[in-house]
Amino acid sequence: MNQRRRIFFIIFGSYHLLILFFILFIEAQKEDLSLLYGLYSKLWMMRYGAMLGVLLFAVDFIWNWIETRNLGREKDVMRHENNTLKAKVYDLQQPPVEPIKESSADSKS
């Protein structure tokens, strides 16, 4: 896993931990209605937070798809190179074939 991918997963994990702590805080304060009413006025922030989560998920999905596609291409290139090398080794193992010489009768015609 490369460094950019690790940074992305740190951000993604931090996002989920932030949501978990927020939910635990709300559950602990469920008796305080003024806090809940105050949160209702900031509902637009929660909407953007949810969109951020969906965006992070989509980025991860697309990133994984691109890596899988690139690995498939690399595998095909390596398979072709392996087959080429096998063919070269096979050609080296075969005894040299004498070239067919033309007879002098055939060349005069």
PDB file of N, CA and C in Angstrom:
ATOM      1  N   MET A   1       0.860  -1.164   0.000  1.00  0.00           N
ATOM      2  CA  MET A   1       0.000   0.000   0.000  1.00  0.00           C
ATOM      3  C   MET A   1       0.911   1.233   0.000  1.00  0.00           C
ATOM      4  N   ASN A   2       0.635   2.146  -0.900  1.00  0.00           N
ATOM      5  CA  ASN A   2       1.492   3.317  -0.991  1.00  0.00           C
ATOM      6  C   ASN A   2       1.111   4.371   0.050  1.00  0.00           C
ATOM      7  N   GLN A   3       1.951   5.393   0.157  1.00  0.00           N
ATOM      8  CA  GLN A   3       1.781   6.414   1.189  1.00  0.00           C
ATOM      9  C   GLN A   3       0.476   7.197   1.015  1.00  0.00           C
ATOM     10  N   ARG A   4       0.108   7.505  -0.233  1.00  0.00           N
ATOM     11  CA  ARG A   4      -1.141   8.250  -0.456  1.00  0.00           C
ATOM     12  C   ARG A   4      -2.351   7.450   0.011  1.00  0.00           C
ATOM     13  N   ARG A   5      -2.295   6.142  -0.221  1.00  0.00           N
ATOM     14  CA  ARG A   5      -3.417   5.289   0.192  1.00  0.00           C
ATOM     15  C   ARG A   5      -3.524   5.250   1.712  1.00  0.00           C
ATOM     16  N   ARG A   6      -2.386   5.181   2.402  1.00  0.00           N
ATOM     17  CA  ARG A   6      -2.399   5.185   3.871  1.00  0.00           C
ATOM     18  C   ARG A   6      -2.979   6.488   4.402  1.00  0.00           C
ATOM     19  N   ILE A   7      -2.568   7.608   3.819  1.00  0.00           N
ATOM     20  CA  ILE A   7      -3.097   8.904   4.253  1.00  0.00           C
ATOM     21  C   ILE A   7      -4.603   8.952   4.038  1.00  0.00           C
ATOM     22  N   PHE A   8      -5.056   8.439   2.894  1.00  0.00           N
ATOM     23  CA  PHE A   8      -6.491   8.421   2.626  1.00  0.00           C
ATOM     24  C   PHE A   8      -7.232   7.605   3.689  1.00  0.00           C
ATOM     25  N   PHE A   9      -6.708   6.425   4.034  1.00  0.00           N
ATOM     26  CA  PHE A   9      -7.390   5.593   5.027  1.00  0.00           C
ATOM     27  C   PHE A   9      -7.325   6.207   6.418  1.00  0.00           C
ATOM     28  N   ILE A  10      -6.284   6.976   6.716  1.00  0.00           N
ATOM     29  CA  ILE A  10      -6.244   7.690   7.992  1.00  0.00           C
ATOM     30  C   ILE A  10      -7.369   8.727   8.033  1.00  0.00           C
ATOM     31  N   ILE A  11      -7.556   9.456   6.936  1.00  0.00           N
ATOM     32  CA  ILE A  11      -8.647  10.442   6.862  1.00  0.00           C
ATOM     33  C   ILE A  11      -9.999   9.749   6.952  1.00  0.00           C
ATOM     34  N   PHE A  12     -10.148   8.639   6.217  1.00  0.00           N
ATOM     35  CA  PHE A  12     -11.402   7.896   6.212  1.00  0.00           C
ATOM     36  C   PHE A  12     -11.716   7.343   7.608  1.00  0.00           C
ATOM     37  N   GLY A  13     -10.706   6.781   8.266  1.00  0.00           N
ATOM     38  CA  GLY A  13     -10.897   6.263   9.624  1.00  0.00           C
ATOM     39  C   GLY A  13     -11.198   7.357  10.623  1.00  0.00           C
ATOM     40  N   SER A  14     -10.526   8.509  10.490  1.00  0.00           N
ATOM     41  CA  SER A  14     -10.783   9.646  11.383  1.00  0.00           C
ATOM     42  C   SER A  14     -12.216  10.145  11.219  1.00  0.00           C
ATOM     43  N   TYR A  15     -12.686  10.155   9.988  1.00  0.00           N
ATOM     44  CA  TYR A  15     -14.070  10.559   9.726  1.00  0.00           C
ATOM     45  C   TYR A  15     -15.049   9.654  10.478  1.00  0.00           C
ATOM     46  N   HIS A  16     -14.819   8.352  10.401  1.00  0.00           N
ATOM     47  CA  HIS A  16     -15.727   7.421  11.078  1.00  0.00           C
ATOM     48  C   HIS A  16     -15.611   7.516  12.600  1.00  0.00           C
ATOM     49  N   LEU A  17     -14.399   7.739  13.116  1.00  0.00           N
ATOM     50  CA  LEU A  17     -14.253   7.919  14.558  1.00  0.00           C
ATOM     51  C   LEU A  17     -14.959   9.190  15.025  1.00  0.00           C
ATOM     52  N   LEU A  18     -14.872  10.247  14.226  1.00  0.00           N
ATOM     53  CA  LEU A  18     -15.560  11.490  14.565  1.00  0.00           C
ATOM     54  C   LEU A  18     -17.070  11.276  14.631  1.00  0.00           C
ATOM     55  N   ILE A  19     -17.605  10.535  13.694  1.00  0.00           N
ATOM     56  CA  ILE A  19     -19.041  10.243  13.704  1.00  0.00           C
ATOM     57  C   ILE A  19     -19.403   9.400  14.929  1.00  0.00           C
ATOM     58  N   LEU A  20     -18.559   8.419  15.255  1.00  0.00           N
ATOM     59  CA  LEU A  20     -18.822   7.579  16.432  1.00  0.00           C
ATOM     60  C   LEU A  20     -18.840   8.413  17.704  1.00  0.00           C
ATOM     61  N   PHE A  21     -17.848   9.283  17.883  1.00  0.00           N
ATOM     62  CA  PHE A  21     -17.812  10.120  19.079  1.00  0.00           C
ATOM     63  C   PHE A  21     -19.003  11.078  19.129  1.00  0.00           C
ATOM     64  N   PHE A  22     -19.407  11.588  17.986  1.00  0.00           N
ATOM     65  CA  PHE A  22     -20.566  12.478  17.932  1.00  0.00           C
ATOM     66  C   PHE A  22     -21.834  11.731  18.374  1.00  0.00           C
ATOM     67  N   ILE A  23     -22.016  10.514  17.883  1.00  0.00           N
ATOM     68  CA  ILE A  23     -23.190   9.723  18.256  1.00  0.00           C
ATOM     69  C   ILE A  23     -23.165   9.395  19.748  1.00  0.00           C
ATOM     70  N   LEU A  24     -21.994   9.039  20.276  1.00  0.00           N
ATOM     71  CA  LEU A  24     -21.893   8.743  21.708  1.00  0.00           C
ATOM     72  C   LEU A  24     -22.191   9.986  22.542  1.00  0.00           C
ATOM     73  N   PHE A  25     -21.740  11.144  22.082  1.00  0.00           N
ATOM     74  CA  PHE A  25     -22.024  12.393  22.793  1.00  0.00           C
ATOM     75  C   PHE A  25     -23.525  12.691  22.801  1.00  0.00           C
ATOM     76  N   ILE A  26     -24.167  12.531  21.680  1.00  0.00           N
ATOM     77  CA  ILE A  26     -25.611  12.779  21.585  1.00  0.00           C
ATOM     78  C   ILE A  26     -26.381  11.810  22.481  1.00  0.00           C
ATOM     79  N   GLU A  27     -25.969  10.542  22.491  1.00  0.00           N
ATOM     80  CA  GLU A  27     -26.650   9.566  23.353  1.00  0.00           C
ATOM     81  C   GLU A  27     -26.480   9.917  24.823  1.00  0.00           C
ATOM     82  N   ALA A  28     -25.317  10.436  25.193  1.00  0.00           N
ATOM     83  CA  ALA A  28     -25.090  10.818  26.594  1.00  0.00           C
ATOM     84  C   ALA A  28     -25.895  12.058  26.971  1.00  0.00           C
ATOM     85  N   GLN A  29     -26.193  12.916  26.015  1.00  0.00           N
ATOM     86  CA  GLN A  29     -26.908  14.173  26.278  1.00  0.00           C
ATOM     87  C   GLN A  29     -28.365  14.123  25.840  1.00  0.00           C
ATOM     88  N   LYS A  30     -28.934  12.934  25.732  1.00  0.00           N
ATOM     89  CA  LYS A  30     -30.302  12.846  25.196  1.00  0.00           C
ATOM     90  C   LYS A  30     -31.355  13.448  26.114  1.00  0.00           C
ATOM     91  N   GLU A  31     -31.045  13.687  27.368  1.00  0.00           N
ATOM     92  CA  GLU A  31     -31.996  14.295  28.295  1.00  0.00           C
ATOM     93  C   GLU A  31     -32.025  15.816  28.161  1.00  0.00           C
ATOM     94  N   ASP A  32     -30.970  16.389  27.589  1.00  0.00           N
ATOM     95  CA  ASP A  32     -30.871  17.842  27.440  1.00  0.00           C
ATOM     96  C   ASP A  32     -31.490  18.253  26.106  1.00  0.00           C
ATOM     97  N   LEU A  33     -32.745  18.700  26.157  1.00  0.00           N
ATOM     98  CA  LEU A  33     -33.459  19.050  24.935  1.00  0.00           C
ATOM     99  C   LEU A  33     -32.924  20.321  24.275  1.00  0.00           C
ATOM    100  N   SER A  34     -32.376  21.224  25.061  1.00  0.00           N
ATOM    101  CA  SER A  34     -31.846  22.453  24.460  1.00  0.00           C
ATOM    102  C   SER A  34     -30.654  22.132  23.554  1.00  0.00           C
ATOM    103  N   LEU A  35     -29.852  21.153  23.940  1.00  0.00           N
ATOM    104  CA  LEU A  35     -28.752  20.731  23.085  1.00  0.00           C
ATOM    105  C   LEU A  35     -29.281  20.120  21.786  1.00  0.00           C
ATOM    106  N   LEU A  36     -30.311  19.299  21.908  1.00  0.00           N
ATOM    107  CA  LEU A  36     -30.880  18.675  20.712  1.00  0.00           C
ATOM    108  C   LEU A  36     -31.515  19.716  19.788  1.00  0.00           C
ATOM    109  N   TYR A  37     -32.176  20.721  20.365  1.00  0.00           N
ATOM    110  CA  TYR A  37     -32.736  21.792  19.530  1.00  0.00           C
ATOM    111  C   TYR A  37     -31.620  22.602  18.865  1.00  0.00           C
ATOM    112  N   GLY A  38     -30.545  22.798  19.591  1.00  0.00           N
ATOM    113  CA  GLY A  38     -29.399  23.502  19.018  1.00  0.00           C
ATOM    114  C   GLY A  38     -28.789  22.721  17.858  1.00  0.00           C
ATOM    115  N   LEU A  39     -28.761  21.411  17.986  1.00  0.00           N
ATOM    116  CA  LEU A  39     -28.251  20.571  16.899  1.00  0.00           C
ATOM    117  C   LEU A  39     -29.174  20.606  15.694  1.00  0.00           C
ATOM    118  N   TYR A  40     -30.459  20.734  15.972  1.00  0.00           N
ATOM    119  CA  TYR A  40     -31.407  20.782  14.858  1.00  0.00           C
ATOM    120  C   TYR A  40     -31.172  22.021  13.989  1.00  0.00           C
ATOM    121  N   SER A  41     -30.742  23.099  14.624  1.00  0.00           N
ATOM    122  CA  SER A  41     -30.458  24.311  13.843  1.00  0.00           C
ATOM    123  C   SER A  41     -29.177  24.158  13.013  1.00  0.00           C
ATOM    124  N   LYS A  42     -28.353  23.197  13.342  1.00  0.00           N
ATOM    125  CA  LYS A  42     -27.121  22.959  12.596  1.00  0.00           C
ATOM    126  C   LYS A  42     -27.210  21.680  11.750  1.00  0.00           C
ATOM    127  N   LEU A  43     -28.410  21.353  11.370  1.00  0.00           N
ATOM    128  CA  LEU A  43     -28.628  20.145  10.583  1.00  0.00           C
ATOM    129  C   LEU A  43     -27.927  20.204   9.227  1.00  0.00           C
ATOM    130  N   TRP A  44     -27.751  21.385   8.681  1.00  0.00           N
ATOM    131  CA  TRP A  44     -27.085  21.534   7.394  1.00  0.00           C
ATOM    132  C   TRP A  44     -25.644  21.025   7.459  1.00  0.00           C
ATOM    133  N   MET A  45     -24.998  21.175   8.621  1.00  0.00           N
ATOM    134  CA  MET A  45     -23.625  20.661   8.767  1.00  0.00           C
ATOM    135  C   MET A  45     -23.594  19.139   8.715  1.00  0.00           C
ATOM    136  N   MET A  46     -24.605  18.513   9.289  1.00  0.00           N
ATOM    137  CA  MET A  46     -24.682  17.053   9.253  1.00  0.00           C
ATOM    138  C   MET A  46     -24.896  16.563   7.828  1.00  0.00           C
ATOM    139  N   ARG A  47     -25.663  17.306   7.053  1.00  0.00           N
ATOM    140  CA  ARG A  47     -25.896  16.942   5.662  1.00  0.00           C
ATOM    141  C   ARG A  47     -24.572  16.941   4.889  1.00  0.00           C
ATOM    142  N   TYR A  48     -23.775  17.995   5.092  1.00  0.00           N
ATOM    143  CA  TYR A  48     -22.484  18.056   4.404  1.00  0.00           C
ATOM    144  C   TYR A  48     -21.526  16.981   4.911  1.00  0.00           C
ATOM    145  N   GLY A  49     -21.630  16.654   6.192  1.00  0.00           N
ATOM    146  CA  GLY A  49     -20.818  15.571   6.740  1.00  0.00           C
ATOM    147  C   GLY A  49     -21.172  14.232   6.111  1.00  0.00           C
ATOM    148  N   ALA A  50     -22.460  14.006   5.893  1.00  0.00           N
ATOM    149  CA  ALA A  50     -22.891  12.771   5.239  1.00  0.00           C
ATOM    150  C   ALA A  50     -22.417  12.731   3.785  1.00  0.00           C
ATOM    151  N   MET A  51     -22.479  13.893   3.107  1.00  0.00           N
ATOM    152  CA  MET A  51     -21.988  13.942   1.723  1.00  0.00           C
ATOM    153  C   MET A  51     -20.481  13.684   1.669  1.00  0.00           C
ATOM    154  N   LEU A  52     -19.752  14.179   2.672  1.00  0.00           N
ATOM    155  CA  LEU A  52     -18.314  13.910   2.742  1.00  0.00           C
ATOM    156  C   LEU A  52     -18.052  12.412   2.877  1.00  0.00           C
ATOM    157  N   GLY A  53     -18.836  11.731   3.692  1.00  0.00           N
ATOM    158  CA  GLY A  53     -18.682  10.282   3.848  1.00  0.00           C
ATOM    159  C   GLY A  53     -18.936   9.530   2.554  1.00  0.00           C
ATOM    160  N   VAL A  54     -19.970   9.926   1.843  1.00  0.00           N
ATOM    161  CA  VAL A  54     -20.276   9.287   0.555  1.00  0.00           C
ATOM    162  C   VAL A  54     -19.157   9.562  -0.443  1.00  0.00           C
ATOM    163  N   LEU A  55     -18.638  10.797  -0.440  1.00  0.00           N
ATOM    164  CA  LEU A  55     -17.541  11.150  -1.334  1.00  0.00           C
ATOM    165  C   LEU A  55     -16.291  10.324  -1.024  1.00  0.00           C
ATOM    166  N   LEU A  56     -15.959  10.171   0.252  1.00  0.00           N
ATOM    167  CA  LEU A  56     -14.800   9.360   0.634  1.00  0.00           C
ATOM    168  C   LEU A  56     -14.987   7.909   0.205  1.00  0.00           C
ATOM    169  N   PHE A  57     -16.188   7.395   0.372  1.00  0.00           N
ATOM    170  CA  PHE A  57     -16.466   6.023  -0.047  1.00  0.00           C
ATOM    171  C   PHE A  57     -16.319   5.870  -1.560  1.00  0.00           C
ATOM    172  N   ALA A  58     -16.822   6.837  -2.314  1.00  0.00           N
ATOM    173  CA  ALA A  58     -16.718   6.779  -3.780  1.00  0.00           C
ATOM    174  C   ALA A  58     -15.259   6.868  -4.220  1.00  0.00           C
ATOM    175  N   VAL A  59     -14.478   7.723  -3.581  1.00  0.00           N
ATOM    176  CA  VAL A  59     -13.053   7.828  -3.919  1.00  0.00           C
ATOM    177  C   VAL A  59     -12.356   6.501  -3.668  1.00  0.00           C
ATOM    178  N   ASP A  60     -12.646   5.876  -2.541  1.00  0.00           N
ATOM    179  CA  ASP A  60     -12.036   4.579  -2.235  1.00  0.00           C
ATOM    180  C   ASP A  60     -12.442   3.528  -3.255  1.00  0.00           C
ATOM    181  N   PHE A  61     -13.701   3.506  -3.631  1.00  0.00           N
ATOM    182  CA  PHE A  61     -14.179   2.530  -4.614  1.00  0.00           C
ATOM    183  C   PHE A  61     -13.485   2.725  -5.963  1.00  0.00           C
ATOM    184  N   ILE A  62     -13.416   3.975  -6.426  1.00  0.00           N
ATOM    185  CA  ILE A  62     -12.786   4.259  -7.723  1.00  0.00           C
ATOM    186  C   ILE A  62     -11.296   3.965  -7.669  1.00  0.00           C
ATOM    187  N   TRP A  63     -10.651   4.333  -6.582  1.00  0.00           N
ATOM    188  CA  TRP A  63      -9.214   4.083  -6.433  1.00  0.00           C
ATOM    189  C   TRP A  63      -8.929   2.588  -6.480  1.00  0.00           C
ATOM    190  N   ASN A  64      -9.727   1.807  -5.792  1.00  0.00           N
ATOM    191  CA  ASN A  64      -9.557   0.353  -5.791  1.00  0.00           C
ATOM    192  C   ASN A  64      -9.782  -0.218  -7.196  1.00  0.00           C
ATOM    193  N   TRP A  65     -10.775   0.282  -7.903  1.00  0.00           N
ATOM    194  CA  TRP A  65     -11.065  -0.193  -9.259  1.00  0.00           C
ATOM    195  C   TRP A  65      -9.901   0.112 -10.204  1.00  0.00           C
ATOM    196  N   ILE A  66      -9.334   1.305 -10.088  1.00  0.00           N
ATOM    197  CA  ILE A  66      -8.201   1.683 -10.940  1.00  0.00           C
ATOM    198  C   ILE A  66      -6.987   0.805 -10.640  1.00  0.00           C
ATOM    199  N   GLU A  67      -6.710   0.566  -9.362  1.00  0.00           N
ATOM    200  CA  GLU A  67      -5.575  -0.288  -9.006  1.00  0.00           C
ATOM    201  C   GLU A  67      -5.770  -1.706  -9.518  1.00  0.00           C
ATOM    202  N   THR A  68      -6.974  -2.225  -9.414  1.00  0.00           N
ATOM    203  CA  THR A  68      -7.250  -3.577  -9.897  1.00  0.00           C
ATOM    204  C   THR A  68      -7.056  -3.659 -11.405  1.00  0.00           C
ATOM    205  N   ARG A  69      -7.514  -2.658 -12.120  1.00  0.00           N
ATOM    206  CA  ARG A  69      -7.356  -2.628 -13.572  1.00  0.00           C
ATOM    207  C   ARG A  69      -5.880  -2.554 -13.961  1.00  0.00           C
ATOM    208  N   ASN A  70      -5.112  -1.706 -13.261  1.00  0.00           N
ATOM    209  CA  ASN A  70      -3.685  -1.586 -13.560  1.00  0.00           C
ATOM    210  C   ASN A  70      -2.929  -2.875 -13.236  1.00  0.00           C
ATOM    211  N   LEU A  71      -3.307  -3.545 -12.162  1.00  0.00           N
ATOM    212  CA  LEU A  71      -2.658  -4.815 -11.817  1.00  0.00           C
ATOM    213  C   LEU A  71      -2.960  -5.873 -12.878  1.00  0.00           C
ATOM    214  N   GLY A  72      -4.169  -5.864 -13.414  1.00  0.00           N
ATOM    215  CA  GLY A  72      -4.509  -6.799 -14.491  1.00  0.00           C
ATOM    216  C   GLY A  72      -3.662  -6.554 -15.730  1.00  0.00           C
ATOM    217  N   ARG A  73      -3.452  -5.286 -16.060  1.00  0.00           N
ATOM    218  CA  ARG A  73      -2.618  -4.948 -17.216  1.00  0.00           C
ATOM    219  C   ARG A  73      -1.175  -5.385 -16.987  1.00  0.00           C
ATOM    220  N   GLU A  74      -0.657  -5.117 -15.774  1.00  0.00           N
ATOM    221  CA  GLU A  74       0.710  -5.530 -15.460  1.00  0.00           C
ATOM    222  C   GLU A  74       0.852  -7.051 -15.537  1.00  0.00           C
ATOM    223  N   LYS A  75      -0.156  -7.752 -15.082  1.00  0.00           N
ATOM    224  CA  LYS A  75      -0.117  -9.209 -15.123  1.00  0.00           C
ATOM    225  C   LYS A  75      -0.082  -9.707 -16.564  1.00  0.00           C
ATOM    226  N   ASP A  76      -0.866  -9.076 -17.449  1.00  0.00           N
ATOM    227  CA  ASP A  76      -0.851  -9.464 -18.858  1.00  0.00           C
ATOM    228  C   ASP A  76       0.511  -9.197 -19.494  1.00  0.00           C
ATOM    229  N   VAL A  77       1.120  -8.061 -19.163  1.00  0.00           N
ATOM    230  CA  VAL A  77       2.444  -7.739 -19.708  1.00  0.00           C
ATOM    231  C   VAL A  77       3.472  -8.753 -19.212  1.00  0.00           C
ATOM    232  N   MET A  78       3.414  -9.086 -17.944  1.00  0.00           N
ATOM    233  CA  MET A  78       4.364 -10.062 -17.394  1.00  0.00           C
ATOM    234  C   MET A  78       4.147 -11.446 -18.003  1.00  0.00           C
ATOM    235  N   ARG A  79       2.906 -11.822 -18.218  1.00  0.00           N
ATOM    236  CA  ARG A  79       2.624 -13.112 -18.835  1.00  0.00           C
ATOM    237  C   ARG A  79       3.179 -13.154 -20.262  1.00  0.00           C
ATOM    238  N   HIS A  80       3.016 -12.058 -21.017  1.00  0.00           N
ATOM    239  CA  HIS A  80       3.549 -11.990 -22.376  1.00  0.00           C
ATOM    240  C   HIS A  80       5.077 -12.070 -22.361  1.00  0.00           C
ATOM    241  N   GLU A  81       5.695 -11.348 -21.428  1.00  0.00           N
ATOM    242  CA  GLU A  81       7.152 -11.390 -21.322  1.00  0.00           C
ATOM    243  C   GLU A  81       7.638 -12.786 -20.945  1.00  0.00           C
ATOM    244  N   ASN A  82       6.926 -13.442 -20.040  1.00  0.00           N
ATOM    245  CA  ASN A  82       7.277 -14.805 -19.639  1.00  0.00           C
ATOM    246  C   ASN A  82       7.174 -15.757 -20.828  1.00  0.00           C
ATOM    247  N   ASN A  83       6.111 -15.635 -21.613  1.00  0.00           N
ATOM    248  CA  ASN A  83       5.956 -16.493 -22.787  1.00  0.00           C
ATOM    249  C   ASN A  83       7.042 -16.226 -23.821  1.00  0.00           C
ATOM    250  N   THR A  84       7.437 -14.976 -23.985  1.00  0.00           N
ATOM    251  CA  THR A  84       8.513 -14.634 -24.913  1.00  0.00           C
ATOM    252  C   THR A  84       9.824 -15.261 -24.470  1.00  0.00           C
ATOM    253  N   LEU A  85      10.105 -15.180 -23.189  1.00  0.00           N
ATOM    254  CA  LEU A  85      11.340 -15.780 -22.676  1.00  0.00           C
ATOM    255  C   LEU A  85      11.314 -17.295 -22.802  1.00  0.00           C
ATOM    256  N   LYS A  86      10.160 -17.911 -22.576  1.00  0.00           N
ATOM    257  CA  LYS A  86      10.045 -19.360 -22.753  1.00  0.00           C
ATOM    258  C   LYS A  86      10.310 -19.744 -24.204  1.00  0.00           C
ATOM    259  N   ALA A  87       9.802 -18.958 -25.133  1.00  0.00           N
ATOM    260  CA  ALA A  87      10.019 -19.239 -26.557  1.00  0.00           C
ATOM    261  C   ALA A  87      11.495 -19.109 -26.906  1.00  0.00           C
ATOM    262  N   LYS A  88      12.181 -18.121 -26.352  1.00  0.00           N
ATOM    263  CA  LYS A  88      13.616 -17.957 -26.617  1.00  0.00           C
ATOM    264  C   LYS A  88      14.403 -19.140 -26.065  1.00  0.00           C
ATOM    265  N   VAL A  89      14.069 -19.584 -24.866  1.00  0.00           N
ATOM    266  CA  VAL A  89      14.754 -20.733 -24.273  1.00  0.00           C
ATOM    267  C   VAL A  89      14.490 -21.982 -25.109  1.00  0.00           C
ATOM    268  N   TYR A  90      13.266 -22.158 -25.553  1.00  0.00           N
ATOM    269  CA  TYR A  90      12.934 -23.319 -26.396  1.00  0.00           C
ATOM    270  C   TYR A  90      13.728 -23.276 -27.691  1.00  0.00           C
ATOM    271  N   ASP A  91      13.843 -22.094 -28.297  1.00  0.00           N
ATOM    272  CA  ASP A  91      14.605 -21.964 -29.536  1.00  0.00           C
ATOM    273  C   ASP A  91      16.080 -22.272 -29.321  1.00  0.00           C
ATOM    274  N   LEU A  92      16.619 -21.893 -28.173  1.00  0.00           N
ATOM    275  CA  LEU A  92      18.027 -22.180 -27.886  1.00  0.00           C
ATOM    276  C   LEU A  92      18.260 -23.669 -27.648  1.00  0.00           C
ATOM    277  N   GLN A  93      17.276 -24.377 -27.160  1.00  0.00           N
ATOM    278  CA  GLN A  93      17.430 -25.801 -26.879  1.00  0.00           C
ATOM    279  C   GLN A  93      17.318 -26.655 -28.138  1.00  0.00           C
ATOM    280  N   GLN A  94      16.692 -26.155 -29.166  1.00  0.00           N
ATOM    281  CA  GLN A  94      16.525 -26.913 -30.402  1.00  0.00           C
ATOM    282  C   GLN A  94      17.840 -26.941 -31.170  1.00  0.00           C
ATOM    283  N   PRO A  95      18.185 -28.110 -31.771  1.00  0.00           N
ATOM    284  CA  PRO A  95      19.412 -28.155 -32.576  1.00  0.00           C
ATOM    285  C   PRO A  95      19.233 -27.278 -33.813  1.00  0.00           C
ATOM    286  N   PRO A  96      20.322 -26.662 -34.259  1.00  0.00           N
ATOM    287  CA  PRO A  96      20.197 -25.793 -35.433  1.00  0.00           C
ATOM    288  C   PRO A  96      19.811 -26.603 -36.660  1.00  0.00           C
ATOM    289  N   VAL A  97      18.936 -26.070 -37.442  1.00  0.00           N
ATOM    290  CA  VAL A  97      18.456 -26.742 -38.643  1.00  0.00           C
ATOM    291  C   VAL A  97      19.342 -26.303 -39.808  1.00  0.00           C
ATOM    292  N   GLU A  98      19.788 -27.295 -40.593  1.00  0.00           N
ATOM    293  CA  GLU A  98      20.614 -26.984 -41.753  1.00  0.00           C
ATOM    294  C   GLU A  98      19.759 -26.280 -42.785  1.00  0.00           C
ATOM    295  N   PRO A  99      20.234 -25.196 -43.360  1.00  0.00           N
ATOM    296  CA  PRO A  99      19.454 -24.531 -44.397  1.00  0.00           C
ATOM    297  C   PRO A  99      19.438 -25.388 -45.660  1.00  0.00           C
ATOM    298  N   ILE A 100      18.331 -25.363 -46.343  1.00  0.00           N
ATOM    299  CA  ILE A 100      18.177 -26.150 -47.567  1.00  0.00           C
ATOM    300  C   ILE A 100      18.952 -25.458 -48.675  1.00  0.00           C
ATOM    301  N   LYS A 101      19.871 -26.229 -49.278  1.00  0.00           N
ATOM    302  CA  LYS A 101      20.674 -25.668 -50.361  1.00  0.00           C
ATOM    303  C   LYS A 101      20.015 -26.000 -51.682  1.00  0.00           C
ATOM    304  N   GLU A 102      20.027 -25.046 -52.567  1.00  0.00           N
ATOM    305  CA  GLU A 102      19.464 -25.287 -53.899  1.00  0.00           C
ATOM    306  C   GLU A 102      20.447 -26.088 -54.716  1.00  0.00           C
ATOM    307  N   SER A 103      19.900 -27.031 -55.454  1.00  0.00           N
ATOM    308  CA  SER A 103      20.786 -27.811 -56.335  1.00  0.00           C
ATOM    309  C   SER A 103      21.137 -26.964 -57.549  1.00  0.00           C
ATOM    310  N   SER A 104      22.221 -27.283 -58.172  1.00  0.00           N
ATOM    311  CA  SER A 104      22.669 -26.496 -59.298  1.00  0.00           C
ATOM    312  C   SER A 104      21.728 -26.647 -60.496  1.00  0.00           C
ATOM    313  N   ALA A 105      21.018 -27.776 -60.587  1.00  0.00           N
ATOM    314  CA  ALA A 105      20.069 -27.999 -61.691  1.00  0.00           C
ATOM    315  C   ALA A 105      18.884 -27.064 -61.549  1.00  0.00           C
ATOM    316  N   ASP A 106      18.436 -26.841 -60.316  1.00  0.00           N
ATOM    317  CA  ASP A 106      17.283 -25.987 -60.107  1.00  0.00           C
ATOM    318  C   ASP A 106      17.624 -24.514 -60.368  1.00  0.00           C
ATOM    319  N   SER A 107      18.838 -24.119 -60.109  1.00  0.00           N
ATOM    320  CA  SER A 107      19.184 -22.727 -60.271  1.00  0.00           C
ATOM    321  C   SER A 107      19.396 -22.349 -61.727  1.00  0.00           C
ATOM    322  N   LYS A 108      19.701 -23.340 -62.609  1.00  0.00           N
ATOM    323  CA  LYS A 108      19.908 -23.031 -64.022  1.00  0.00           C
ATOM    324  C   LYS A 108      18.592 -22.878 -64.780  1.00  0.00           C
ATOM    325  N   SER A 109      17.509 -23.388 -64.263  1.00  0.00           N
ATOM    326  CA  SER A 109      16.247 -23.360 -64.986  1.00  0.00           C
ATOM    327  C   SER A 109      15.627 -22.016 -65.002  1.00  0.00           C
TER     328      SER A 109
END
